[in-house]
Amino acid sequence: MVWCVRLSAALAYVVAAVLSLWTAGLPSGVPLPVPGLVGLAWTLIGLVWLRVVALWTGRFQGTYFWVSIEEPCPEDPVGPVSLAKGADRVRRNRPGVLHRVRAYHYDGVRWVYLRQSAVWLLLPVSFVALAGLGDSHGSQHIRSLLRAGAAYGPASVAEVADLTVRRSEGEVVGYDSTLFLALPGGVRVRAEDASTRYEPRPDGRVQMLWAPSAPSLGGVVDDGEDLGRYVDRGWGLTLGGIAPGAFVLLLILVAMVPVSIAAEDDGLQELAWSPVTQTVHACAVTGVLLAALPFLSGTASGNDVLGIGAACVGLPALYLVMPIRALLD
């Protein structure tokens, strides 16, 4: 049961790292799903709760997981001693790799803080991933364009209808209209609720997101939004994604590291193997992942942004509260 706890925790960390890195590197604002992300999220939930079940099972069996059990390595000669040359060199059985791994002390100071450091390294990446998801929901119209194979580029204005002027403090800040746009090949696309910085006129040009295979879906024109990001499927961290991670990294250095050091390794180790504490931890992680699932699956609506916002606040708070509790116990 001890190794069930350890292996489920190790696998959960690996899955969380892959999920966070993969999501954090997606272009900002790209509506999902990306194949595999939803499966990783559910796998992570399962591994987190598998660890909790193993911890409670050990508690009911009276096992104290944070107490190491050292198994002696066999050093006595095994079998008859050879009378041939070199008989003075008594053969000894060397413990195998699995035996050495099993007999290793995992409650030492070095191990405890190595585990804490691994969590600290992953936390900023996870936060960047959550912050990026908050900008990835798009609209149902944009998701339908993407499913049909969206393209982004210039289009010629053929006709302008329902033009209204947007003002702020008496100044013109933009125009809303319905545009009929002409594309090469004689294709005409209607873009409702088009938002432009300058007044659209016939024969003018605007940037439009549309689906060449389904022009009947219409197009999207919005000067205030980078629509080109919706067709960029490359991977790579952006400056906008690095900034939230830098904030969490600062929080780790200023608050989490000093509190964890003050709590000492014994308190952190006992907390890590406490079924009650780890049940709360599993509930919090599950809540974060459930908030992210609508974005990972590409079904998010405007209301789901509140859930991802709460997850962005709750994730660093969770890993700050845990060492504080270890310090106070």
C-alpha atoms as a PDB file:
ATOM      1  CA  MET A   1       0.000   0.000   0.000  1.00  0.00           C
ATOM      2  CA  VAL A   2       2.913   2.344   0.706  1.00  0.00           C
ATOM      3  CA  TRP A   3       4.165   1.960  -2.830  1.00  0.00           C
ATOM      4  CA  CYS A   4       0.670   2.440  -4.226  1.00  0.00           C
ATOM      5  CA  VAL A   5       0.697   5.866  -2.569  1.00  0.00           C
ATOM      6  CA  ARG A   6       4.155   6.692  -3.879  1.00  0.00           C
ATOM      7  CA  LEU A   7       3.609   5.478  -7.430  1.00  0.00           C
ATOM      8  CA  SER A   8       0.203   7.147  -7.792  1.00  0.00           C
ATOM      9  CA  ALA A   9       1.737  10.416  -6.563  1.00  0.00           C
ATOM     10  CA  ALA A  10       4.667  10.122  -8.981  1.00  0.00           C
ATOM     11  CA  LEU A  11       2.404   9.310 -11.924  1.00  0.00           C
ATOM     12  CA  ALA A  12       0.028  12.142 -10.989  1.00  0.00           C
ATOM     13  CA  TYR A  13       2.961  14.563 -10.986  1.00  0.00           C
ATOM     14  CA  VAL A  14       4.106  13.394 -14.432  1.00  0.00           C
ATOM     15  CA  VAL A  15       0.575  13.680 -15.870  1.00  0.00           C
ATOM     16  CA  ALA A  16       0.122  17.132 -14.296  1.00  0.00           C
ATOM     17  CA  ALA A  17       3.451  18.271 -15.755  1.00  0.00           C
ATOM     18  CA  VAL A  18       2.556  17.063 -19.258  1.00  0.00           C
ATOM     19  CA  LEU A  19      -0.937  18.564 -19.067  1.00  0.00           C
ATOM     20  CA  SER A  20       0.339  21.917 -17.764  1.00  0.00           C
ATOM     21  CA  LEU A  21       3.215  22.236 -20.243  1.00  0.00           C
ATOM     22  CA  TRP A  22       1.041  21.204 -23.160  1.00  0.00           C
ATOM     23  CA  THR A  23      -1.739  23.645 -22.245  1.00  0.00           C
ATOM     24  CA  ALA A  24       0.606  26.492 -21.298  1.00  0.00           C
ATOM     25  CA  GLY A  25       2.236  26.355 -24.726  1.00  0.00           C
ATOM     26  CA  LEU A  26      -0.972  26.535 -26.742  1.00  0.00           C
ATOM     27  CA  PRO A  27      -1.494  29.825 -28.587  1.00  0.00           C
ATOM     28  CA  SER A  28      -3.356  32.245 -26.346  1.00  0.00           C
ATOM     29  CA  GLY A  29      -7.060  32.244 -27.033  1.00  0.00           C
ATOM     30  CA  VAL A  30      -7.249  29.152 -29.219  1.00  0.00           C
ATOM     31  CA  PRO A  31     -10.581  27.414 -28.654  1.00  0.00           C
ATOM     32  CA  LEU A  32     -10.118  23.761 -27.827  1.00  0.00           C
ATOM     33  CA  PRO A  33     -10.429  20.738 -27.761  1.00  0.00           C
ATOM     34  CA  VAL A  34      -6.941  19.562 -28.482  1.00  0.00           C
ATOM     35  CA  PRO A  35      -6.994  15.733 -28.641  1.00  0.00           C
ATOM     36  CA  GLY A  36      -5.572  14.188 -25.502  1.00  0.00           C
ATOM     37  CA  LEU A  37      -5.959  17.053 -23.028  1.00  0.00           C
ATOM     38  CA  VAL A  38      -9.339  15.939 -21.668  1.00  0.00           C
ATOM     39  CA  GLY A  39      -8.057  12.378 -21.223  1.00  0.00           C
ATOM     40  CA  LEU A  40      -5.010  13.638 -19.334  1.00  0.00           C
ATOM     41  CA  ALA A  41      -7.226  15.706 -17.033  1.00  0.00           C
ATOM     42  CA  TRP A  42      -9.405  12.708 -16.127  1.00  0.00           C
ATOM     43  CA  THR A  43      -6.324  10.531 -15.681  1.00  0.00           C
ATOM     44  CA  LEU A  44      -4.905  13.073 -13.245  1.00  0.00           C
ATOM     45  CA  ILE A  45      -8.150  13.127 -11.256  1.00  0.00           C
ATOM     46  CA  GLY A  46      -8.116   9.329 -11.054  1.00  0.00           C
ATOM     47  CA  LEU A  47      -4.490   9.187  -9.862  1.00  0.00           C
ATOM     48  CA  VAL A  48      -5.023  11.860  -7.214  1.00  0.00           C
ATOM     49  CA  TRP A  49      -7.975   9.971  -5.762  1.00  0.00           C
ATOM     50  CA  LEU A  50      -6.182   6.629  -6.022  1.00  0.00           C
ATOM     51  CA  ARG A  51      -3.535   8.069  -3.696  1.00  0.00           C
ATOM     52  CA  VAL A  52      -6.208   9.221  -1.248  1.00  0.00           C
ATOM     53  CA  VAL A  53      -7.849   5.780  -1.219  1.00  0.00           C
ATOM     54  CA  ALA A  54      -4.460   4.155  -0.583  1.00  0.00           C
ATOM     55  CA  LEU A  55      -3.757   6.565   2.277  1.00  0.00           C
ATOM     56  CA  TRP A  56      -7.092   5.859   3.960  1.00  0.00           C
ATOM     57  CA  THR A  57      -6.601   2.117   3.466  1.00  0.00           C
ATOM     58  CA  GLY A  58      -3.243   2.391   5.204  1.00  0.00           C
ATOM     59  CA  ARG A  59      -4.818   4.387   8.025  1.00  0.00           C
ATOM     60  CA  PHE A  60      -7.436   1.695   8.621  1.00  0.00           C
ATOM     61  CA  GLN A  61      -4.688  -0.932   8.581  1.00  0.00           C
ATOM     62  CA  GLY A  62      -2.713   1.040  11.145  1.00  0.00           C
ATOM     63  CA  THR A  63       0.209   1.777   8.833  1.00  0.00           C
ATOM     64  CA  TYR A  64       2.252   4.900   9.528  1.00  0.00           C
ATOM     65  CA  PHE A  65       3.546   5.744   6.093  1.00  0.00           C
ATOM     66  CA  TRP A  66       5.997   8.452   7.094  1.00  0.00           C
ATOM     67  CA  VAL A  67       8.034   6.025   9.228  1.00  0.00           C
ATOM     68  CA  SER A  68      10.691   4.352   7.073  1.00  0.00           C
ATOM     69  CA  ILE A  69      11.185   0.614   7.355  1.00  0.00           C
ATOM     70  CA  GLU A  70      14.767  -0.244   6.618  1.00  0.00           C
ATOM     71  CA  GLU A  71      15.326  -3.688   5.215  1.00  0.00           C
ATOM     72  CA  PRO A  72      18.830  -5.075   5.776  1.00  0.00           C
ATOM     73  CA  CYS A  73      20.827  -5.966   2.714  1.00  0.00           C
ATOM     74  CA  PRO A  74      22.076  -9.517   2.698  1.00  0.00           C
ATOM     75  CA  GLU A  75      25.818  -9.522   3.245  1.00  0.00           C
ATOM     76  CA  ASP A  76      26.462 -13.074   4.404  1.00  0.00           C
ATOM     77  CA  PRO A  77      28.038 -15.501   1.954  1.00  0.00           C
ATOM     78  CA  VAL A  78      25.533 -17.630   0.146  1.00  0.00           C
ATOM     79  CA  GLY A  79      26.372 -21.166  -0.991  1.00  0.00           C
ATOM     80  CA  PRO A  80      29.603 -23.135  -0.593  1.00  0.00           C
ATOM     81  CA  VAL A  81      32.962 -21.377  -0.754  1.00  0.00           C
ATOM     82  CA  SER A  82      35.009 -22.333  -3.790  1.00  0.00           C
ATOM     83  CA  LEU A  83      38.440 -23.918  -3.159  1.00  0.00           C
ATOM     84  CA  ALA A  84      39.689 -22.702  -6.538  1.00  0.00           C
ATOM     85  CA  LYS A  85      41.951 -19.721  -7.126  1.00  0.00           C
ATOM     86  CA  GLY A  86      40.475 -16.610  -5.584  1.00  0.00           C
ATOM     87  CA  ALA A  87      38.704 -18.523  -2.864  1.00  0.00           C
ATOM     88  CA  ASP A  88      39.626 -15.770  -0.434  1.00  0.00           C
ATOM     89  CA  ARG A  89      37.208 -13.515  -2.237  1.00  0.00           C
ATOM     90  CA  VAL A  90      33.907 -14.515  -0.757  1.00  0.00           C
ATOM     91  CA  ARG A  91      31.013 -13.919  -3.111  1.00  0.00           C
ATOM     92  CA  ARG A  92      28.278 -11.787  -1.681  1.00  0.00           C
ATOM     93  CA  ASN A  93      24.773 -11.219  -2.943  1.00  0.00           C
ATOM     94  CA  ARG A  94      24.291  -7.664  -4.116  1.00  0.00           C
ATOM     95  CA  PRO A  95      20.827  -6.244  -3.561  1.00  0.00           C
ATOM     96  CA  GLY A  96      18.933  -5.646  -6.779  1.00  0.00           C
ATOM     97  CA  VAL A  97      17.792  -2.269  -8.032  1.00  0.00           C
ATOM     98  CA  LEU A  98      14.215  -2.771  -6.871  1.00  0.00           C
ATOM     99  CA  HIS A  99      15.435  -3.786  -3.424  1.00  0.00           C
ATOM    100  CA  ARG A 100      17.607  -0.671  -3.144  1.00  0.00           C
ATOM    101  CA  VAL A 101      14.733   1.548  -4.269  1.00  0.00           C
ATOM    102  CA  ARG A 102      12.430  -0.097  -1.740  1.00  0.00           C
ATOM    103  CA  ALA A 103      14.917   0.191   1.117  1.00  0.00           C
ATOM    104  CA  TYR A 104      15.755   3.836   0.429  1.00  0.00           C
ATOM    105  CA  HIS A 105      14.833   6.403   3.118  1.00  0.00           C
ATOM    106  CA  TYR A 106      12.167   8.699   1.685  1.00  0.00           C
ATOM    107  CA  ASP A 107      11.596  10.708   4.844  1.00  0.00           C
ATOM    108  CA  GLY A 108      14.949  12.503   4.994  1.00  0.00           C
ATOM    109  CA  VAL A 109      15.337  16.260   4.801  1.00  0.00           C
ATOM    110  CA  ARG A 110      16.785  16.113   1.307  1.00  0.00           C
ATOM    111  CA  TRP A 111      13.915  14.021  -0.035  1.00  0.00           C
ATOM    112  CA  VAL A 112      11.194  16.162   1.577  1.00  0.00           C
ATOM    113  CA  TYR A 113      12.524  19.405   0.155  1.00  0.00           C
ATOM    114  CA  LEU A 114      13.222  17.804  -3.214  1.00  0.00           C
ATOM    115  CA  ARG A 115       9.536  16.893  -3.362  1.00  0.00           C
ATOM    116  CA  GLN A 116       8.564  20.421  -2.337  1.00  0.00           C
ATOM    117  CA  SER A 117      10.854  21.895  -4.995  1.00  0.00           C
ATOM    118  CA  ALA A 118       9.249  19.719  -7.667  1.00  0.00           C
ATOM    119  CA  VAL A 119       5.834  21.124  -6.713  1.00  0.00           C
ATOM    120  CA  TRP A 120       7.189  24.681  -6.731  1.00  0.00           C
ATOM    121  CA  LEU A 121       8.596  24.183 -10.232  1.00  0.00           C
ATOM    122  CA  LEU A 122       5.288  22.863 -11.561  1.00  0.00           C
ATOM    123  CA  LEU A 123       3.059  25.449  -9.891  1.00  0.00           C
ATOM    124  CA  PRO A 124       3.981  28.460 -12.108  1.00  0.00           C
ATOM    125  CA  VAL A 125       3.531  26.366 -15.256  1.00  0.00           C
ATOM    126  CA  SER A 126       0.122  25.166 -14.073  1.00  0.00           C
ATOM    127  CA  PHE A 127      -0.883  28.735 -13.294  1.00  0.00           C
ATOM    128  CA  VAL A 128       0.196  29.881 -16.776  1.00  0.00           C
ATOM    129  CA  ALA A 129      -1.911  27.069 -18.252  1.00  0.00           C
ATOM    130  CA  LEU A 130      -4.991  28.099 -16.268  1.00  0.00           C
ATOM    131  CA  ALA A 131      -4.548  31.774 -17.143  1.00  0.00           C
ATOM    132  CA  GLY A 132      -4.242  30.873 -20.820  1.00  0.00           C
ATOM    133  CA  LEU A 133      -7.375  28.748 -20.706  1.00  0.00           C
ATOM    134  CA  GLY A 134      -9.334  31.720 -19.411  1.00  0.00           C
ATOM    135  CA  ASP A 135      -8.788  33.367 -22.796  1.00  0.00           C
ATOM    136  CA  SER A 136      -9.411  30.280 -24.895  1.00  0.00           C
ATOM    137  CA  HIS A 137     -13.159  29.810 -24.890  1.00  0.00           C
ATOM    138  CA  GLY A 138     -14.019  31.927 -27.944  1.00  0.00           C
ATOM    139  CA  SER A 139     -17.611  32.081 -29.126  1.00  0.00           C
ATOM    140  CA  GLN A 140     -19.805  29.342 -30.500  1.00  0.00           C
ATOM    141  CA  HIS A 141     -19.584  31.034 -33.894  1.00  0.00           C
ATOM    142  CA  ILE A 142     -15.771  30.954 -33.834  1.00  0.00           C
ATOM    143  CA  ARG A 143     -15.764  27.317 -32.718  1.00  0.00           C
ATOM    144  CA  SER A 144     -18.025  26.404 -35.655  1.00  0.00           C
ATOM    145  CA  LEU A 145     -15.643  28.198 -38.041  1.00  0.00           C
ATOM    146  CA  LEU A 146     -12.678  26.338 -36.615  1.00  0.00           C
ATOM    147  CA  ARG A 147     -14.414  22.988 -36.963  1.00  0.00           C
ATOM    148  CA  ALA A 148     -15.062  23.836 -40.633  1.00  0.00           C
ATOM    149  CA  GLY A 149     -11.395  24.756 -41.224  1.00  0.00           C
ATOM    150  CA  ALA A 150     -11.041  28.469 -40.515  1.00  0.00           C
ATOM    151  CA  ALA A 151      -8.798  30.864 -42.414  1.00  0.00           C
ATOM    152  CA  TYR A 152      -7.808  34.426 -41.613  1.00  0.00           C
ATOM    153  CA  GLY A 153      -6.954  37.152 -44.090  1.00  0.00           C
ATOM    154  CA  PRO A 154      -8.005  40.344 -45.897  1.00  0.00           C
ATOM    155  CA  ALA A 155     -11.382  40.752 -47.558  1.00  0.00           C
ATOM    156  CA  SER A 156     -12.927  43.545 -49.623  1.00  0.00           C
ATOM    157  CA  VAL A 157     -16.015  45.344 -48.318  1.00  0.00           C
ATOM    158  CA  ALA A 158     -18.845  45.017 -50.860  1.00  0.00           C
ATOM    159  CA  GLU A 159     -21.690  46.471 -48.784  1.00  0.00           C
ATOM    160  CA  VAL A 160     -22.200  48.069 -45.369  1.00  0.00           C
ATOM    161  CA  ALA A 161     -25.480  47.800 -43.433  1.00  0.00           C
ATOM    162  CA  ASP A 162     -26.777  48.722 -39.978  1.00  0.00           C
ATOM    163  CA  LEU A 163     -23.857  51.024 -39.240  1.00  0.00           C
ATOM    164  CA  THR A 164     -23.705  52.402 -35.687  1.00  0.00           C
ATOM    165  CA  VAL A 165     -21.069  54.600 -34.092  1.00  0.00           C
ATOM    166  CA  ARG A 166     -19.454  53.710 -30.763  1.00  0.00           C
ATOM    167  CA  ARG A 167     -18.574  56.673 -28.573  1.00  0.00           C
ATOM    168  CA  SER A 168     -16.747  57.073 -25.283  1.00  0.00           C
ATOM    169  CA  GLU A 169     -16.855  60.395 -23.444  1.00  0.00           C
ATOM    170  CA  GLY A 170     -18.146  62.048 -26.587  1.00  0.00           C
ATOM    171  CA  GLU A 171     -15.388  60.718 -28.833  1.00  0.00           C
ATOM    172  CA  VAL A 172     -15.786  58.181 -31.619  1.00  0.00           C
ATOM    173  CA  VAL A 173     -13.944  54.961 -30.667  1.00  0.00           C
ATOM    174  CA  GLY A 174     -15.203  52.591 -33.362  1.00  0.00           C
ATOM    175  CA  TYR A 175     -18.011  51.328 -35.573  1.00  0.00           C
ATOM    176  CA  ASP A 176     -20.366  48.343 -35.431  1.00  0.00           C
ATOM    177  CA  SER A 177     -22.017  47.125 -38.611  1.00  0.00           C
ATOM    178  CA  THR A 178     -23.050  44.222 -40.770  1.00  0.00           C
ATOM    179  CA  LEU A 179     -20.601  43.769 -43.621  1.00  0.00           C
ATOM    180  CA  PHE A 180     -20.925  41.892 -46.889  1.00  0.00           C
ATOM    181  CA  LEU A 181     -17.444  40.939 -47.945  1.00  0.00           C
ATOM    182  CA  ALA A 182     -16.085  39.835 -51.314  1.00  0.00           C
ATOM    183  CA  LEU A 183     -13.373  37.209 -51.531  1.00  0.00           C
ATOM    184  CA  PRO A 184     -11.384  35.849 -54.500  1.00  0.00           C
ATOM    185  CA  GLY A 185     -13.417  33.506 -56.678  1.00  0.00           C
ATOM    186  CA  GLY A 186     -16.604  35.555 -56.367  1.00  0.00           C
ATOM    187  CA  VAL A 187     -17.406  34.278 -52.852  1.00  0.00           C
ATOM    188  CA  ARG A 188     -19.435  36.643 -50.668  1.00  0.00           C
ATOM    189  CA  VAL A 189     -19.484  36.291 -46.887  1.00  0.00           C
ATOM    190  CA  ARG A 190     -21.721  38.063 -44.403  1.00  0.00           C
ATOM    191  CA  ALA A 191     -20.103  39.278 -41.166  1.00  0.00           C
ATOM    192  CA  GLU A 192     -22.638  40.339 -38.545  1.00  0.00           C
ATOM    193  CA  ASP A 193     -21.679  42.491 -35.557  1.00  0.00           C
ATOM    194  CA  ALA A 194     -18.461  43.516 -37.290  1.00  0.00           C
ATOM    195  CA  SER A 195     -16.379  45.793 -35.079  1.00  0.00           C
ATOM    196  CA  THR A 196     -13.937  48.154 -36.793  1.00  0.00           C
ATOM    197  CA  ARG A 197     -11.752  50.974 -35.585  1.00  0.00           C
ATOM    198  CA  TYR A 198     -12.445  53.055 -38.698  1.00  0.00           C
ATOM    199  CA  GLU A 199     -15.684  53.568 -40.597  1.00  0.00           C
ATOM    200  CA  PRO A 200     -16.068  50.735 -43.132  1.00  0.00           C
ATOM    201  CA  ARG A 201     -16.745  51.829 -46.711  1.00  0.00           C
ATOM    202  CA  PRO A 202     -17.398  49.888 -49.912  1.00  0.00           C
ATOM    203  CA  ASP A 203     -14.162  48.813 -51.610  1.00  0.00           C
ATOM    204  CA  GLY A 204     -12.345  49.116 -48.279  1.00  0.00           C
ATOM    205  CA  ARG A 205     -10.458  46.160 -46.812  1.00  0.00           C
ATOM    206  CA  VAL A 206     -10.748  44.441 -43.444  1.00  0.00           C
ATOM    207  CA  GLN A 207      -9.250  41.351 -41.814  1.00  0.00           C
ATOM    208  CA  MET A 208     -11.756  38.522 -41.471  1.00  0.00           C
ATOM    209  CA  LEU A 209     -11.933  35.052 -39.910  1.00  0.00           C
ATOM    210  CA  TRP A 210     -14.031  32.675 -42.004  1.00  0.00           C
ATOM    211  CA  ALA A 211     -14.295  29.072 -43.234  1.00  0.00           C
ATOM    212  CA  PRO A 212     -13.494  28.644 -46.957  1.00  0.00           C
ATOM    213  CA  SER A 213     -15.318  25.295 -46.986  1.00  0.00           C
ATOM    214  CA  ALA A 214     -18.479  26.786 -45.435  1.00  0.00           C
ATOM    215  CA  PRO A 215     -18.985  30.451 -46.432  1.00  0.00           C
ATOM    216  CA  SER A 216     -22.610  30.172 -45.305  1.00  0.00           C
ATOM    217  CA  LEU A 217     -21.358  30.246 -41.695  1.00  0.00           C
ATOM    218  CA  GLY A 218     -20.411  33.867 -42.198  1.00  0.00           C
ATOM    219  CA  GLY A 219     -17.295  35.609 -40.965  1.00  0.00           C
ATOM    220  CA  VAL A 220     -15.958  37.463 -37.946  1.00  0.00           C
ATOM    221  CA  VAL A 221     -14.475  40.959 -38.164  1.00  0.00           C
ATOM    222  CA  ASP A 222     -13.090  42.560 -35.009  1.00  0.00           C
ATOM    223  CA  ASP A 223     -10.242  45.086 -35.025  1.00  0.00           C
ATOM    224  CA  GLY A 224     -10.048  44.903 -31.241  1.00  0.00           C
ATOM    225  CA  GLU A 225      -9.150  41.198 -31.156  1.00  0.00           C
ATOM    226  CA  ASP A 226      -6.284  39.226 -32.644  1.00  0.00           C
ATOM    227  CA  LEU A 227      -8.377  36.820 -34.695  1.00  0.00           C
ATOM    228  CA  GLY A 228      -5.270  35.398 -36.345  1.00  0.00           C
ATOM    229  CA  ARG A 229      -4.455  33.502 -33.169  1.00  0.00           C
ATOM    230  CA  TYR A 230      -7.388  31.185 -33.815  1.00  0.00           C
ATOM    231  CA  VAL A 231      -5.685  29.609 -36.810  1.00  0.00           C
ATOM    232  CA  ASP A 232      -2.236  29.447 -35.217  1.00  0.00           C
ATOM    233  CA  ARG A 233      -1.851  25.914 -33.885  1.00  0.00           C
ATOM    234  CA  GLY A 234       1.844  26.110 -33.037  1.00  0.00           C
ATOM    235  CA  TRP A 235       3.182  25.539 -29.518  1.00  0.00           C
ATOM    236  CA  GLY A 236       5.203  28.045 -27.534  1.00  0.00           C
ATOM    237  CA  LEU A 237       5.016  30.191 -24.426  1.00  0.00           C
ATOM    238  CA  THR A 238       4.042  33.805 -25.037  1.00  0.00           C
ATOM    239  CA  LEU A 239       4.958  36.916 -23.082  1.00  0.00           C
ATOM    240  CA  GLY A 240       1.350  37.185 -21.937  1.00  0.00           C
ATOM    241  CA  GLY A 241       1.575  33.654 -20.552  1.00  0.00           C
ATOM    242  CA  ILE A 242       4.937  34.149 -18.842  1.00  0.00           C
ATOM    243  CA  ALA A 243       3.739  37.145 -16.795  1.00  0.00           C
ATOM    244  CA  PRO A 244       1.250  35.167 -14.607  1.00  0.00           C
ATOM    245  CA  GLY A 245       3.892  32.509 -14.046  1.00  0.00           C
ATOM    246  CA  ALA A 246       6.381  35.151 -12.917  1.00  0.00           C
ATOM    247  CA  PHE A 247       3.843  36.393 -10.353  1.00  0.00           C
ATOM    248  CA  VAL A 248       3.396  32.901  -8.879  1.00  0.00           C
ATOM    249  CA  LEU A 249       7.157  32.353  -8.892  1.00  0.00           C
ATOM    250  CA  LEU A 250       7.556  35.538  -6.860  1.00  0.00           C
ATOM    251  CA  LEU A 251       4.868  34.300  -4.452  1.00  0.00           C
ATOM    252  CA  ILE A 252       6.759  31.025  -4.060  1.00  0.00           C
ATOM    253  CA  LEU A 253      10.063  32.755  -3.293  1.00  0.00           C
ATOM    254  CA  VAL A 254       8.563  35.337  -0.932  1.00  0.00           C
ATOM    255  CA  ALA A 255       6.034  33.202   0.960  1.00  0.00           C
ATOM    256  CA  MET A 256       6.031  29.470   0.226  1.00  0.00           C
ATOM    257  CA  VAL A 257       9.750  28.764   0.544  1.00  0.00           C
ATOM    258  CA  PRO A 258      10.236  30.607   3.882  1.00  0.00           C
ATOM    259  CA  VAL A 259       7.099  29.057   5.399  1.00  0.00           C
ATOM    260  CA  SER A 260       8.092  25.555   4.256  1.00  0.00           C
ATOM    261  CA  ILE A 261      11.578  25.935   5.714  1.00  0.00           C
ATOM    262  CA  ALA A 262      10.116  27.188   9.002  1.00  0.00           C
ATOM    263  CA  ALA A 263       7.690  24.244   9.093  1.00  0.00           C
ATOM    264  CA  GLU A 264      10.664  21.822   8.916  1.00  0.00           C
ATOM    265  CA  ASP A 265      10.761  18.521   7.121  1.00  0.00           C
ATOM    266  CA  ASP A 266       8.950  16.473   9.802  1.00  0.00           C
ATOM    267  CA  GLY A 267       5.830  18.620   9.586  1.00  0.00           C
ATOM    268  CA  LEU A 268       5.829  18.615   5.792  1.00  0.00           C
ATOM    269  CA  GLN A 269       6.350  14.839   5.657  1.00  0.00           C
ATOM    270  CA  GLU A 270       3.517  14.076   8.053  1.00  0.00           C
ATOM    271  CA  LEU A 271       1.229  16.452   6.192  1.00  0.00           C
ATOM    272  CA  ALA A 272       2.050  14.783   2.874  1.00  0.00           C
ATOM    273  CA  TRP A 273       0.984  11.406   4.274  1.00  0.00           C
ATOM    274  CA  SER A 274      -2.064  12.594   6.197  1.00  0.00           C
ATOM    275  CA  PRO A 275      -5.265  11.086   4.697  1.00  0.00           C
ATOM    276  CA  VAL A 276      -7.362  14.030   5.896  1.00  0.00           C
ATOM    277  CA  THR A 277      -5.055  16.691   4.457  1.00  0.00           C
ATOM    278  CA  GLN A 278      -4.579  14.828   1.199  1.00  0.00           C
ATOM    279  CA  THR A 279      -8.340  14.371   0.830  1.00  0.00           C
ATOM    280  CA  VAL A 280      -8.726  18.149   1.031  1.00  0.00           C
ATOM    281  CA  HIS A 281      -5.859  18.479  -1.453  1.00  0.00           C
ATOM    282  CA  ALA A 282      -7.540  16.005  -3.845  1.00  0.00           C
ATOM    283  CA  CYS A 283     -10.841  17.886  -3.614  1.00  0.00           C
ATOM    284  CA  ALA A 284      -9.105  21.161  -4.446  1.00  0.00           C
ATOM    285  CA  VAL A 285      -7.159  19.690  -7.382  1.00  0.00           C
ATOM    286  CA  THR A 286     -10.338  18.053  -8.684  1.00  0.00           C
ATOM    287  CA  GLY A 287     -12.139  21.384  -8.463  1.00  0.00           C
ATOM    288  CA  VAL A 288      -9.393  23.080 -10.474  1.00  0.00           C
ATOM    289  CA  LEU A 289      -9.499  20.395 -13.154  1.00  0.00           C
ATOM    290  CA  LEU A 290     -13.309  20.431 -13.342  1.00  0.00           C
ATOM    291  CA  ALA A 291     -13.152  24.198 -13.837  1.00  0.00           C
ATOM    292  CA  ALA A 292     -10.648  23.664 -16.654  1.00  0.00           C
ATOM    293  CA  LEU A 293     -12.533  20.820 -18.384  1.00  0.00           C
ATOM    294  CA  PRO A 294     -15.041  23.031 -20.265  1.00  0.00           C
ATOM    295  CA  PHE A 295     -12.084  24.894 -21.779  1.00  0.00           C
ATOM    296  CA  LEU A 296     -10.113  21.741 -22.522  1.00  0.00           C
ATOM    297  CA  SER A 297     -13.139  20.222 -24.248  1.00  0.00           C
ATOM    298  CA  GLY A 298     -14.010  23.396 -26.171  1.00  0.00           C
ATOM    299  CA  THR A 299     -17.484  23.727 -24.643  1.00  0.00           C
ATOM    300  CA  ALA A 300     -16.875  26.692 -22.335  1.00  0.00           C
ATOM    301  CA  SER A 301     -19.273  29.602 -22.127  1.00  0.00           C
ATOM    302  CA  GLY A 302     -18.863  33.051 -20.648  1.00  0.00           C
ATOM    303  CA  ASN A 303     -19.937  31.871 -17.186  1.00  0.00           C
ATOM    304  CA  ASP A 304     -17.153  29.281 -17.075  1.00  0.00           C
ATOM    305  CA  VAL A 305     -14.586  32.079 -16.945  1.00  0.00           C
ATOM    306  CA  LEU A 306     -15.567  32.638 -13.304  1.00  0.00           C
ATOM    307  CA  GLY A 307     -14.654  29.033 -12.504  1.00  0.00           C
ATOM    308  CA  ILE A 308     -11.259  29.285 -14.157  1.00  0.00           C
ATOM    309  CA  GLY A 309     -10.676  32.581 -12.326  1.00  0.00           C
ATOM    310  CA  ALA A 310     -11.414  30.894  -8.999  1.00  0.00           C
ATOM    311  CA  ALA A 311      -9.011  28.097  -9.959  1.00  0.00           C
ATOM    312  CA  CYS A 312      -6.263  30.651 -10.697  1.00  0.00           C
ATOM    313  CA  VAL A 313      -6.699  32.029  -7.179  1.00  0.00           C
ATOM    314  CA  GLY A 314      -7.235  28.703  -5.451  1.00  0.00           C
ATOM    315  CA  LEU A 315      -4.269  26.790  -6.874  1.00  0.00           C
ATOM    316  CA  PRO A 316      -1.466  28.950  -5.405  1.00  0.00           C
ATOM    317  CA  ALA A 317      -3.531  29.472  -2.230  1.00  0.00           C
ATOM    318  CA  LEU A 318      -3.743  25.687  -1.755  1.00  0.00           C
ATOM    319  CA  TYR A 319       0.027  25.236  -1.835  1.00  0.00           C
ATOM    320  CA  LEU A 320       0.536  28.211   0.463  1.00  0.00           C
ATOM    321  CA  VAL A 321      -1.970  27.040   3.078  1.00  0.00           C
ATOM    322  CA  MET A 322      -0.497  23.532   3.334  1.00  0.00           C
ATOM    323  CA  PRO A 323       2.974  24.562   4.643  1.00  0.00           C
ATOM    324  CA  ILE A 324       1.307  27.147   6.899  1.00  0.00           C
ATOM    325  CA  ARG A 325      -0.722  24.354   8.465  1.00  0.00           C
ATOM    326  CA  ALA A 326       2.427  22.248   8.877  1.00  0.00           C
ATOM    327  CA  LEU A 327       4.046  25.224  10.608  1.00  0.00           C
ATOM    328  CA  LEU A 328       1.134  25.689  13.002  1.00  0.00           C
ATOM    329  CA  ASP A 329       0.715  22.004  13.898  1.00  0.00           C
END
